[in-house]
Amino acid sequence: MPADHHDLARVEAACAELGAAGQPVTFAEVAARARISRTTLYRRADLRAVIDDHRARGHDATTLTGLAVQIDQLRRSLEAVAAKVRRHEETIRRLDRVRRKPG
């Protein structure tokens, strides 16, 4: 596994540990737990995004507004998947019609 993936996995684990313990997800604490410098956490967009995501989850999950936003995001995601499934079903029906044509 490349170093980038190890770093990402350690940051994910540190954020998950903090969240599970009910502690705030801070760059300083994640850096200490993941054994990665704070500078690296701030400079690498992928690592910073993981931390920001965990911070948002921890903060938003406890508010009604946060829950409403999450429900809306899930609803839109589900609608997008349903639309894709409908397109695939139509493609399959078309291919079946073409295949069944005599000749």
PDB file of N, CA and C in Angstrom:
ATOM      1  N   MET A   1       0.850  -1.172   0.000  1.00  0.00           N
ATOM      2  CA  MET A   1       0.000   0.000   0.000  1.00  0.00           C
ATOM      3  C   MET A   1       0.901   1.241   0.000  1.00  0.00           C
ATOM      4  N   PRO A   2       0.690   2.201  -0.927  1.00  0.00           N
ATOM      5  CA  PRO A   2       1.534   3.399  -0.959  1.00  0.00           C
ATOM      6  C   PRO A   2       1.371   4.237   0.300  1.00  0.00           C
ATOM      7  N   ALA A   3       2.364   5.083   0.540  1.00  0.00           N
ATOM      8  CA  ALA A   3       2.350   5.925   1.743  1.00  0.00           C
ATOM      9  C   ALA A   3       1.097   6.794   1.812  1.00  0.00           C
ATOM     10  N   ASP A   4       0.644   7.281   0.665  1.00  0.00           N
ATOM     11  CA  ASP A   4      -0.559   8.125   0.657  1.00  0.00           C
ATOM     12  C   ASP A   4      -1.764   7.387   1.227  1.00  0.00           C
ATOM     13  N   HIS A   5      -1.899   6.098   0.864  1.00  0.00           N
ATOM     14  CA  HIS A   5      -3.023   5.317   1.370  1.00  0.00           C
ATOM     15  C   HIS A   5      -2.873   5.038   2.868  1.00  0.00           C
ATOM     16  N   HIS A   6      -1.626   4.831   3.312  1.00  0.00           N
ATOM     17  CA  HIS A   6      -1.394   4.635   4.746  1.00  0.00           C
ATOM     18  C   HIS A   6      -1.772   5.893   5.514  1.00  0.00           C
ATOM     19  N   ASP A   7      -1.368   7.038   4.989  1.00  0.00           N
ATOM     20  CA  ASP A   7      -1.705   8.313   5.643  1.00  0.00           C
ATOM     21  C   ASP A   7      -3.219   8.488   5.722  1.00  0.00           C
ATOM     22  N   LEU A   8      -3.887   8.233   4.614  1.00  0.00           N
ATOM     23  CA  LEU A   8      -5.334   8.389   4.568  1.00  0.00           C
ATOM     24  C   LEU A   8      -6.013   7.441   5.554  1.00  0.00           C
ATOM     25  N   ALA A   9      -5.549   6.211   5.608  1.00  0.00           N
ATOM     26  CA  ALA A   9      -6.127   5.230   6.535  1.00  0.00           C
ATOM     27  C   ALA A   9      -5.905   5.645   7.983  1.00  0.00           C
ATOM     28  N   ARG A  10      -4.719   6.163   8.288  1.00  0.00           N
ATOM     29  CA  ARG A  10      -4.440   6.592   9.668  1.00  0.00           C
ATOM     30  C   ARG A  10      -5.299   7.792  10.051  1.00  0.00           C
ATOM     31  N   VAL A  11      -5.486   8.719   9.110  1.00  0.00           N
ATOM     32  CA  VAL A  11      -6.329   9.893   9.397  1.00  0.00           C
ATOM     33  C   VAL A  11      -7.776   9.457   9.592  1.00  0.00           C
ATOM     34  N   GLU A  12      -8.257   8.563   8.738  1.00  0.00           N
ATOM     35  CA  GLU A  12      -9.625   8.046   8.890  1.00  0.00           C
ATOM     36  C   GLU A  12      -9.803   7.386  10.250  1.00  0.00           C
ATOM     37  N   ALA A  13      -8.834   6.548  10.634  1.00  0.00           N
ATOM     38  CA  ALA A  13      -8.916   5.842  11.918  1.00  0.00           C
ATOM     39  C   ALA A  13      -8.904   6.827  13.079  1.00  0.00           C
ATOM     40  N   ALA A  14      -8.042   7.820  13.004  1.00  0.00           N
ATOM     41  CA  ALA A  14      -7.962   8.822  14.086  1.00  0.00           C
ATOM     42  C   ALA A  14      -9.280   9.579  14.209  1.00  0.00           C
ATOM     43  N   CYS A  15      -9.850   9.980  13.087  1.00  0.00           N
ATOM     44  CA  CYS A  15     -11.128  10.700  13.114  1.00  0.00           C
ATOM     45  C   CYS A  15     -12.241   9.814  13.672  1.00  0.00           C
ATOM     46  N   ALA A  16     -12.251   8.549  13.259  1.00  0.00           N
ATOM     47  CA  ALA A  16     -13.275   7.628  13.743  1.00  0.00           C
ATOM     48  C   ALA A  16     -13.150   7.413  15.253  1.00  0.00           C
ATOM     49  N   GLU A  17     -11.913   7.277  15.734  1.00  0.00           N
ATOM     50  CA  GLU A  17     -11.691   7.108  17.178  1.00  0.00           C
ATOM     51  C   GLU A  17     -12.199   8.319  17.949  1.00  0.00           C
ATOM     52  N   LEU A  18     -11.874   9.490  17.461  1.00  0.00           N
ATOM     53  CA  LEU A  18     -12.312  10.713  18.139  1.00  0.00           C
ATOM     54  C   LEU A  18     -13.832  10.810  18.140  1.00  0.00           C
ATOM     55  N   GLY A  19     -14.435  10.537  16.991  1.00  0.00           N
ATOM     56  CA  GLY A  19     -15.894  10.597  16.901  1.00  0.00           C
ATOM     57  C   GLY A  19     -16.564   9.594  17.817  1.00  0.00           C
ATOM     58  N   ALA A  20     -16.023   8.372  17.855  1.00  0.00           N
ATOM     59  CA  ALA A  20     -16.602   7.330  18.707  1.00  0.00           C
ATOM     60  C   ALA A  20     -16.477   7.679  20.180  1.00  0.00           C
ATOM     61  N   ALA A  21     -15.409   8.390  20.532  1.00  0.00           N
ATOM     62  CA  ALA A  21     -15.193   8.784  21.923  1.00  0.00           C
ATOM     63  C   ALA A  21     -15.949  10.061  22.282  1.00  0.00           C
ATOM     64  N   GLY A  22     -16.607  10.654  21.286  1.00  0.00           N
ATOM     65  CA  GLY A  22     -17.354  11.884  21.537  1.00  0.00           C
ATOM     66  C   GLY A  22     -16.462  13.102  21.704  1.00  0.00           C
ATOM     67  N   GLN A  23     -15.231  12.990  21.243  1.00  0.00           N
ATOM     68  CA  GLN A  23     -14.281  14.100  21.347  1.00  0.00           C
ATOM     69  C   GLN A  23     -14.303  14.909  20.057  1.00  0.00           C
ATOM     70  N   PRO A  24     -13.986  16.184  20.143  1.00  0.00           N
ATOM     71  CA  PRO A  24     -13.953  17.005  18.932  1.00  0.00           C
ATOM     72  C   PRO A  24     -12.830  16.551  17.997  1.00  0.00           C
ATOM     73  N   VAL A  25     -13.111  16.594  16.708  1.00  0.00           N
ATOM     74  CA  VAL A  25     -12.116  16.232  15.694  1.00  0.00           C
ATOM     75  C   VAL A  25     -11.348  17.507  15.344  1.00  0.00           C
ATOM     76  N   THR A  26     -10.150  17.612  15.903  1.00  0.00           N
ATOM     77  CA  THR A  26      -9.311  18.781  15.640  1.00  0.00           C
ATOM     78  C   THR A  26      -8.074  18.347  14.858  1.00  0.00           C
ATOM     79  N   PHE A  27      -7.507  19.283  14.119  1.00  0.00           N
ATOM     80  CA  PHE A  27      -6.306  18.965  13.353  1.00  0.00           C
ATOM     81  C   PHE A  27      -5.178  18.538  14.288  1.00  0.00           C
ATOM     82  N   ALA A  28      -5.055  19.199  15.419  1.00  0.00           N
ATOM     83  CA  ALA A  28      -3.979  18.867  16.356  1.00  0.00           C
ATOM     84  C   ALA A  28      -4.135  17.442  16.888  1.00  0.00           C
ATOM     85  N   GLU A  29      -5.346  17.079  17.270  1.00  0.00           N
ATOM     86  CA  GLU A  29      -5.571  15.744  17.826  1.00  0.00           C
ATOM     87  C   GLU A  29      -5.427  14.666  16.757  1.00  0.00           C
ATOM     88  N   VAL A  30      -5.940  14.922  15.564  1.00  0.00           N
ATOM     89  CA  VAL A  30      -5.799  13.953  14.477  1.00  0.00           C
ATOM     90  C   VAL A  30      -4.324  13.775  14.132  1.00  0.00           C
ATOM     91  N   ALA A  31      -3.582  14.869  14.079  1.00  0.00           N
ATOM     92  CA  ALA A  31      -2.146  14.798  13.775  1.00  0.00           C
ATOM     93  C   ALA A  31      -1.424  13.933  14.803  1.00  0.00           C
ATOM     94  N   ALA A  32      -1.746  14.138  16.068  1.00  0.00           N
ATOM     95  CA  ALA A  32      -1.090  13.366  17.124  1.00  0.00           C
ATOM     96  C   ALA A  32      -1.438  11.882  17.019  1.00  0.00           C
ATOM     97  N   ARG A  33      -2.700  11.568  16.814  1.00  0.00           N
ATOM     98  CA  ARG A  33      -3.123  10.166  16.761  1.00  0.00           C
ATOM     99  C   ARG A  33      -2.641   9.460  15.496  1.00  0.00           C
ATOM    100  N   ALA A  34      -2.624  10.197  14.378  1.00  0.00           N
ATOM    101  CA  ALA A  34      -2.232   9.590  13.095  1.00  0.00           C
ATOM    102  C   ALA A  34      -0.722   9.647  12.866  1.00  0.00           C
ATOM    103  N   ARG A  35      -0.013  10.339  13.754  1.00  0.00           N
ATOM    104  CA  ARG A  35       1.440  10.515  13.617  1.00  0.00           C
ATOM    105  C   ARG A  35       1.802  11.161  12.276  1.00  0.00           C
ATOM    106  N   ILE A  36       1.048  12.212  11.951  1.00  0.00           N
ATOM    107  CA  ILE A  36       1.268  12.997  10.732  1.00  0.00           C
ATOM    108  C   ILE A  36       1.286  14.462  11.172  1.00  0.00           C
ATOM    109  N   SER A  37       2.165  15.254  10.589  1.00  0.00           N
ATOM    110  CA  SER A  37       2.255  16.661  11.005  1.00  0.00           C
ATOM    111  C   SER A  37       0.979  17.417  10.638  1.00  0.00           C
ATOM    112  N   ARG A  38       0.677  18.421  11.443  1.00  0.00           N
ATOM    113  CA  ARG A  38      -0.477  19.268  11.148  1.00  0.00           C
ATOM    114  C   ARG A  38      -0.311  19.952   9.804  1.00  0.00           C
ATOM    115  N   THR A  39       0.917  20.334   9.490  1.00  0.00           N
ATOM    116  CA  THR A  39       1.184  20.985   8.210  1.00  0.00           C
ATOM    117  C   THR A  39       0.767  20.082   7.052  1.00  0.00           C
ATOM    118  N   THR A  40       1.101  18.801   7.149  1.00  0.00           N
ATOM    119  CA  THR A  40       0.719  17.849   6.109  1.00  0.00           C
ATOM    120  C   THR A  40      -0.794  17.720   6.029  1.00  0.00           C
ATOM    121  N   LEU A  41      -1.452  17.698   7.167  1.00  0.00           N
ATOM    122  CA  LEU A  41      -2.911  17.602   7.175  1.00  0.00           C
ATOM    123  C   LEU A  41      -3.540  18.800   6.484  1.00  0.00           C
ATOM    124  N   TYR A  42      -2.993  19.976   6.710  1.00  0.00           N
ATOM    125  CA  TYR A  42      -3.536  21.180   6.090  1.00  0.00           C
ATOM    126  C   TYR A  42      -3.190  21.248   4.601  1.00  0.00           C
ATOM    127  N   ARG A  43      -2.008  20.811   4.228  1.00  0.00           N
ATOM    128  CA  ARG A  43      -1.551  20.934   2.829  1.00  0.00           C
ATOM    129  C   ARG A  43      -2.174  19.911   1.899  1.00  0.00           C
ATOM    130  N   ARG A  44      -2.395  18.710   2.403  1.00  0.00           N
ATOM    131  CA  ARG A  44      -2.955  17.663   1.538  1.00  0.00           C
ATOM    132  C   ARG A  44      -4.474  17.731   1.544  1.00  0.00           C
ATOM    133  N   ALA A  45      -5.008  18.068   0.402  1.00  0.00           N
ATOM    134  CA  ALA A  45      -6.459  18.262   0.294  1.00  0.00           C
ATOM    135  C   ALA A  45      -7.240  17.004   0.652  1.00  0.00           C
ATOM    136  N   ASP A  46      -6.710  15.821   0.303  1.00  0.00           N
ATOM    137  CA  ASP A  46      -7.430  14.584   0.604  1.00  0.00           C
ATOM    138  C   ASP A  46      -7.539  14.349   2.111  1.00  0.00           C
ATOM    139  N   LEU A  47      -6.460  14.634   2.833  1.00  0.00           N
ATOM    140  CA  LEU A  47      -6.481  14.442   4.292  1.00  0.00           C
ATOM    141  C   LEU A  47      -7.348  15.508   4.958  1.00  0.00           C
ATOM    142  N   ARG A  48      -7.222  16.731   4.480  1.00  0.00           N
ATOM    143  CA  ARG A  48      -8.022  17.824   5.036  1.00  0.00           C
ATOM    144  C   ARG A  48      -9.504  17.553   4.822  1.00  0.00           C
ATOM    145  N   ALA A  49      -9.864  16.998   3.654  1.00  0.00           N
ATOM    146  CA  ALA A  49     -11.267  16.700   3.356  1.00  0.00           C
ATOM    147  C   ALA A  49     -11.828  15.647   4.306  1.00  0.00           C
ATOM    148  N   VAL A  50     -11.019  14.650   4.637  1.00  0.00           N
ATOM    149  CA  VAL A  50     -11.470  13.612   5.579  1.00  0.00           C
ATOM    150  C   VAL A  50     -11.777  14.244   6.929  1.00  0.00           C
ATOM    151  N   ILE A  51     -10.872  15.092   7.390  1.00  0.00           N
ATOM    152  CA  ILE A  51     -11.069  15.739   8.690  1.00  0.00           C
ATOM    153  C   ILE A  51     -12.290  16.650   8.650  1.00  0.00           C
ATOM    154  N   ASP A  52     -12.409  17.451   7.597  1.00  0.00           N
ATOM    155  CA  ASP A  52     -13.561  18.353   7.475  1.00  0.00           C
ATOM    156  C   ASP A  52     -14.868  17.571   7.439  1.00  0.00           C
ATOM    157  N   ASP A  53     -14.862  16.435   6.755  1.00  0.00           N
ATOM    158  CA  ASP A  53     -16.066  15.609   6.674  1.00  0.00           C
ATOM    159  C   ASP A  53     -16.453  15.082   8.049  1.00  0.00           C
ATOM    160  N   HIS A  54     -15.474  14.577   8.792  1.00  0.00           N
ATOM    161  CA  HIS A  54     -15.768  14.071  10.139  1.00  0.00           C
ATOM    162  C   HIS A  54     -16.207  15.197  11.075  1.00  0.00           C
ATOM    163  N   ARG A  55     -15.615  16.358  10.911  1.00  0.00           N
ATOM    164  CA  ARG A  55     -16.019  17.492  11.745  1.00  0.00           C
ATOM    165  C   ARG A  55     -17.465  17.880  11.456  1.00  0.00           C
ATOM    166  N   ALA A  56     -17.817  17.915  10.174  1.00  0.00           N
ATOM    167  CA  ALA A  56     -19.182  18.285   9.789  1.00  0.00           C
ATOM    168  C   ALA A  56     -20.183  17.252  10.282  1.00  0.00           C
ATOM    169  N   ARG A  57     -19.823  15.977  10.160  1.00  0.00           N
ATOM    170  CA  ARG A  57     -20.719  14.912  10.633  1.00  0.00           C
ATOM    171  C   ARG A  57     -20.965  15.032  12.125  1.00  0.00           C
ATOM    172  N   GLY A  58     -19.908  15.264  12.865  1.00  0.00           N
ATOM    173  CA  GLY A  58     -20.040  15.363  14.314  1.00  0.00           C
ATOM    174  C   GLY A  58     -20.871  16.545  14.738  1.00  0.00           C
ATOM    175  N   HIS A  59     -20.735  17.642  14.022  1.00  0.00           N
ATOM    176  CA  HIS A  59     -21.466  18.859  14.377  1.00  0.00           C
ATOM    177  C   HIS A  59     -22.906  18.783  13.882  1.00  0.00           C
ATOM    178  N   ASP A  60     -23.096  18.415  12.619  1.00  0.00           N
ATOM    179  CA  ASP A  60     -24.417  18.449  12.014  1.00  0.00           C
ATOM    180  C   ASP A  60     -25.340  17.346  12.483  1.00  0.00           C
ATOM    181  N   ALA A  61     -24.774  16.223  12.904  1.00  0.00           N
ATOM    182  CA  ALA A  61     -25.608  15.085  13.274  1.00  0.00           C
ATOM    183  C   ALA A  61     -26.476  15.384  14.482  1.00  0.00           C
ATOM    184  N   THR A  62     -26.107  16.358  15.276  1.00  0.00           N
ATOM    185  CA  THR A  62     -26.849  16.626  16.498  1.00  0.00           C
ATOM    186  C   THR A  62     -27.885  17.725  16.344  1.00  0.00           C
ATOM    187  N   THR A  63     -27.984  18.319  15.163  1.00  0.00           N
ATOM    188  CA  THR A  63     -28.960  19.390  14.973  1.00  0.00           C
ATOM    189  C   THR A  63     -30.060  18.921  14.028  1.00  0.00           C
ATOM    190  N   LEU A  64     -31.247  19.472  14.194  1.00  0.00           N
ATOM    191  CA  LEU A  64     -32.341  19.132  13.291  1.00  0.00           C
ATOM    192  C   LEU A  64     -32.026  19.592  11.876  1.00  0.00           C
ATOM    193  N   THR A  65     -31.398  20.746  11.752  1.00  0.00           N
ATOM    194  CA  THR A  65     -31.024  21.238  10.429  1.00  0.00           C
ATOM    195  C   THR A  65     -30.033  20.285   9.775  1.00  0.00           C
ATOM    196  N   GLY A  66     -29.061  19.815  10.550  1.00  0.00           N
ATOM    197  CA  GLY A  66     -28.080  18.873  10.024  1.00  0.00           C
ATOM    198  C   GLY A  66     -28.724  17.591   9.564  1.00  0.00           C
ATOM    199  N   LEU A  67     -29.670  17.096  10.350  1.00  0.00           N
ATOM    200  CA  LEU A  67     -30.381  15.869   9.971  1.00  0.00           C
ATOM    201  C   LEU A  67     -31.212  16.095   8.714  1.00  0.00           C
ATOM    202  N   ALA A  68     -31.860  17.248   8.618  1.00  0.00           N
ATOM    203  CA  ALA A  68     -32.661  17.555   7.435  1.00  0.00           C
ATOM    204  C   ALA A  68     -31.786  17.616   6.186  1.00  0.00           C
ATOM    205  N   VAL A  69     -30.610  18.197   6.319  1.00  0.00           N
ATOM    206  CA  VAL A  69     -29.675  18.273   5.188  1.00  0.00           C
ATOM    207  C   VAL A  69     -29.244  16.873   4.773  1.00  0.00           C
ATOM    208  N   GLN A  70     -28.911  16.031   5.742  1.00  0.00           N
ATOM    209  CA  GLN A  70     -28.498  14.665   5.425  1.00  0.00           C
ATOM    210  C   GLN A  70     -29.627  13.890   4.744  1.00  0.00           C
ATOM    211  N   ILE A  71     -30.844  14.055   5.223  1.00  0.00           N
ATOM    212  CA  ILE A  71     -31.990  13.372   4.618  1.00  0.00           C
ATOM    213  C   ILE A  71     -32.179  13.848   3.182  1.00  0.00           C
ATOM    214  N   ASP A  72     -32.055  15.149   2.965  1.00  0.00           N
ATOM    215  CA  ASP A  72     -32.202  15.695   1.618  1.00  0.00           C
ATOM    216  C   ASP A  72     -31.117  15.159   0.686  1.00  0.00           C
ATOM    217  N   GLN A  73     -29.881  15.098   1.183  1.00  0.00           N
ATOM    218  CA  GLN A  73     -28.790  14.557   0.368  1.00  0.00           C
ATOM    219  C   GLN A  73     -29.040  13.095   0.020  1.00  0.00           C
ATOM    220  N   LEU A  74     -29.496  12.326   0.986  1.00  0.00           N
ATOM    221  CA  LEU A  74     -29.791  10.911   0.738  1.00  0.00           C
ATOM    222  C   LEU A  74     -30.940  10.749  -0.258  1.00  0.00           C
ATOM    223  N   ARG A  75     -31.957  11.601  -0.125  1.00  0.00           N
ATOM    224  CA  ARG A  75     -33.097  11.542  -1.041  1.00  0.00           C
ATOM    225  C   ARG A  75     -32.650  11.830  -2.472  1.00  0.00           C
ATOM    226  N   ARG A  76     -31.810  12.869  -2.640  1.00  0.00           N
ATOM    227  CA  ARG A  76     -31.326  13.209  -3.981  1.00  0.00           C
ATOM    228  C   ARG A  76     -30.441  12.096  -4.546  1.00  0.00           C
ATOM    229  N   SER A  77     -29.639  11.497  -3.701  1.00  0.00           N
ATOM    230  CA  SER A  77     -28.793  10.392  -4.155  1.00  0.00           C
ATOM    231  C   SER A  77     -29.647   9.209  -4.596  1.00  0.00           C
ATOM    232  N   LEU A  78     -30.670   8.903  -3.811  1.00  0.00           N
ATOM    233  CA  LEU A  78     -31.566   7.798  -4.145  1.00  0.00           C
ATOM    234  C   LEU A  78     -32.303   8.074  -5.451  1.00  0.00           C
ATOM    235  N   GLU A  79     -32.749   9.299  -5.655  1.00  0.00           N
ATOM    236  CA  GLU A  79     -33.423   9.659  -6.904  1.00  0.00           C
ATOM    237  C   GLU A  79     -32.487   9.507  -8.095  1.00  0.00           C
ATOM    238  N   ALA A  80     -31.230   9.881  -7.933  1.00  0.00           N
ATOM    239  CA  ALA A  80     -30.250   9.747  -9.017  1.00  0.00           C
ATOM    240  C   ALA A  80     -30.018   8.277  -9.353  1.00  0.00           C
ATOM    241  N   VAL A  81     -29.935   7.436  -8.330  1.00  0.00           N
ATOM    242  CA  VAL A  81     -29.751   5.993  -8.562  1.00  0.00           C
ATOM    243  C   VAL A  81     -30.982   5.421  -9.253  1.00  0.00           C
ATOM    244  N   ALA A  82     -32.157   5.830  -8.819  1.00  0.00           N
ATOM    245  CA  ALA A  82     -33.390   5.328  -9.434  1.00  0.00           C
ATOM    246  C   ALA A  82     -33.466   5.733 -10.900  1.00  0.00           C
ATOM    247  N   ALA A  83     -33.073   6.942 -11.231  1.00  0.00           N
ATOM    248  CA  ALA A  83     -33.078   7.398 -12.626  1.00  0.00           C
ATOM    249  C   ALA A  83     -32.102   6.573 -13.461  1.00  0.00           C
ATOM    250  N   LYS A  84     -30.944   6.273 -12.890  1.00  0.00           N
ATOM    251  CA  LYS A  84     -29.954   5.465 -13.608  1.00  0.00           C
ATOM    252  C   LYS A  84     -30.487   4.050 -13.842  1.00  0.00           C
ATOM    253  N   VAL A  85     -31.144   3.486 -12.844  1.00  0.00           N
ATOM    254  CA  VAL A  85     -31.723   2.147 -12.991  1.00  0.00           C
ATOM    255  C   VAL A  85     -32.780   2.163 -14.085  1.00  0.00           C
ATOM    256  N   ARG A  86     -33.624   3.206 -14.129  1.00  0.00           N
ATOM    257  CA  ARG A  86     -34.645   3.296 -15.176  1.00  0.00           C
ATOM    258  C   ARG A  86     -34.000   3.360 -16.563  1.00  0.00           C
ATOM    259  N   ARG A  87     -32.915   4.146 -16.698  1.00  0.00           N
ATOM    260  CA  ARG A  87     -32.216   4.224 -17.988  1.00  0.00           C
ATOM    261  C   ARG A  87     -31.639   2.870 -18.385  1.00  0.00           C
ATOM    262  N   HIS A  88     -31.067   2.169 -17.424  1.00  0.00           N
ATOM    263  CA  HIS A  88     -30.504   0.849 -17.716  1.00  0.00           C
ATOM    264  C   HIS A  88     -31.602  -0.138 -18.108  1.00  0.00           C
ATOM    265  N   GLU A  89     -32.729  -0.088 -17.421  1.00  0.00           N
ATOM    266  CA  GLU A  89     -33.834  -0.980 -17.760  1.00  0.00           C
ATOM    267  C   GLU A  89     -34.335  -0.716 -19.175  1.00  0.00           C
ATOM    268  N   GLU A  90     -34.429   0.557 -19.549  1.00  0.00           N
ATOM    269  CA  GLU A  90     -34.867   0.908 -20.901  1.00  0.00           C
ATOM    270  C   GLU A  90     -33.856   0.420 -21.937  1.00  0.00           C
ATOM    271  N   THR A  91     -32.592   0.546 -21.656  1.00  0.00           N
ATOM    272  CA  THR A  91     -31.551   0.055 -22.567  1.00  0.00           C
ATOM    273  C   THR A  91     -31.660  -1.453 -22.731  1.00  0.00           C
ATOM    274  N   ILE A  92     -31.884  -2.153 -21.655  1.00  0.00           N
ATOM    275  CA  ILE A  92     -32.025  -3.616 -21.713  1.00  0.00           C
ATOM    276  C   ILE A  92     -33.247  -3.987 -22.546  1.00  0.00           C
ATOM    277  N   ARG A  93     -34.377  -3.292 -22.361  1.00  0.00           N
ATOM    278  CA  ARG A  93     -35.585  -3.576 -23.148  1.00  0.00           C
ATOM    279  C   ARG A  93     -35.329  -3.340 -24.639  1.00  0.00           C
ATOM    280  N   ARG A  94     -34.640  -2.243 -24.948  1.00  0.00           N
ATOM    281  CA  ARG A  94     -34.322  -1.943 -26.357  1.00  0.00           C
ATOM    282  C   ARG A  94     -33.437  -3.031 -26.960  1.00  0.00           C
ATOM    283  N   LEU A  95     -32.413  -3.437 -26.223  1.00  0.00           N
ATOM    284  CA  LEU A  95     -31.510  -4.481 -26.710  1.00  0.00           C
ATOM    285  C   LEU A  95     -32.244  -5.807 -26.898  1.00  0.00           C
ATOM    286  N   ASP A  96     -33.163  -6.107 -26.000  1.00  0.00           N
ATOM    287  CA  ASP A  96     -33.952  -7.336 -26.129  1.00  0.00           C
ATOM    288  C   ASP A  96     -34.826  -7.280 -27.382  1.00  0.00           C
ATOM    289  N   ARG A  97     -35.429  -6.126 -27.668  1.00  0.00           N
ATOM    290  CA  ARG A  97     -36.273  -5.987 -28.876  1.00  0.00           C
ATOM    291  C   ARG A  97     -35.440  -6.181 -30.139  1.00  0.00           C
ATOM    292  N   VAL A  98     -34.251  -5.588 -30.147  1.00  0.00           N
ATOM    293  CA  VAL A  98     -33.372  -5.727 -31.311  1.00  0.00           C
ATOM    294  C   VAL A  98     -32.946  -7.177 -31.482  1.00  0.00           C
ATOM    295  N   ARG A  99     -32.636  -7.838 -30.427  1.00  0.00           N
ATOM    296  CA  ARG A  99     -32.180  -9.221 -30.475  1.00  0.00           C
ATOM    297  C   ARG A  99     -33.299 -10.159 -30.936  1.00  0.00           C
ATOM    298  N   ARG A 100     -34.527  -9.865 -30.598  1.00  0.00           N
ATOM    299  CA  ARG A 100     -35.663 -10.740 -30.923  1.00  0.00           C
ATOM    300  C   ARG A 100     -36.204 -10.528 -32.330  1.00  0.00           C
ATOM    301  N   LYS A 101     -35.798  -9.437 -32.977  1.00  0.00           N
ATOM    302  CA  LYS A 101     -36.296  -9.199 -34.323  1.00  0.00           C
ATOM    303  C   LYS A 101     -35.847 -10.323 -35.251  1.00  0.00           C
ATOM    304  N   PRO A 102     -36.798 -10.831 -36.048  1.00  0.00           N
ATOM    305  CA  PRO A 102     -36.421 -11.906 -36.993  1.00  0.00           C
ATOM    306  C   PRO A 102     -35.523 -11.342 -38.087  1.00  0.00           C
ATOM    307  N   GLY A 103     -34.616 -12.142 -38.494  1.00  0.00           N
ATOM    308  CA  GLY A 103     -33.911 -11.750 -39.647  1.00  0.00           C
ATOM    309  C   GLY A 103     -32.524 -11.609 -39.703  1.00  0.00           C
TER     310      GLY A 103
END
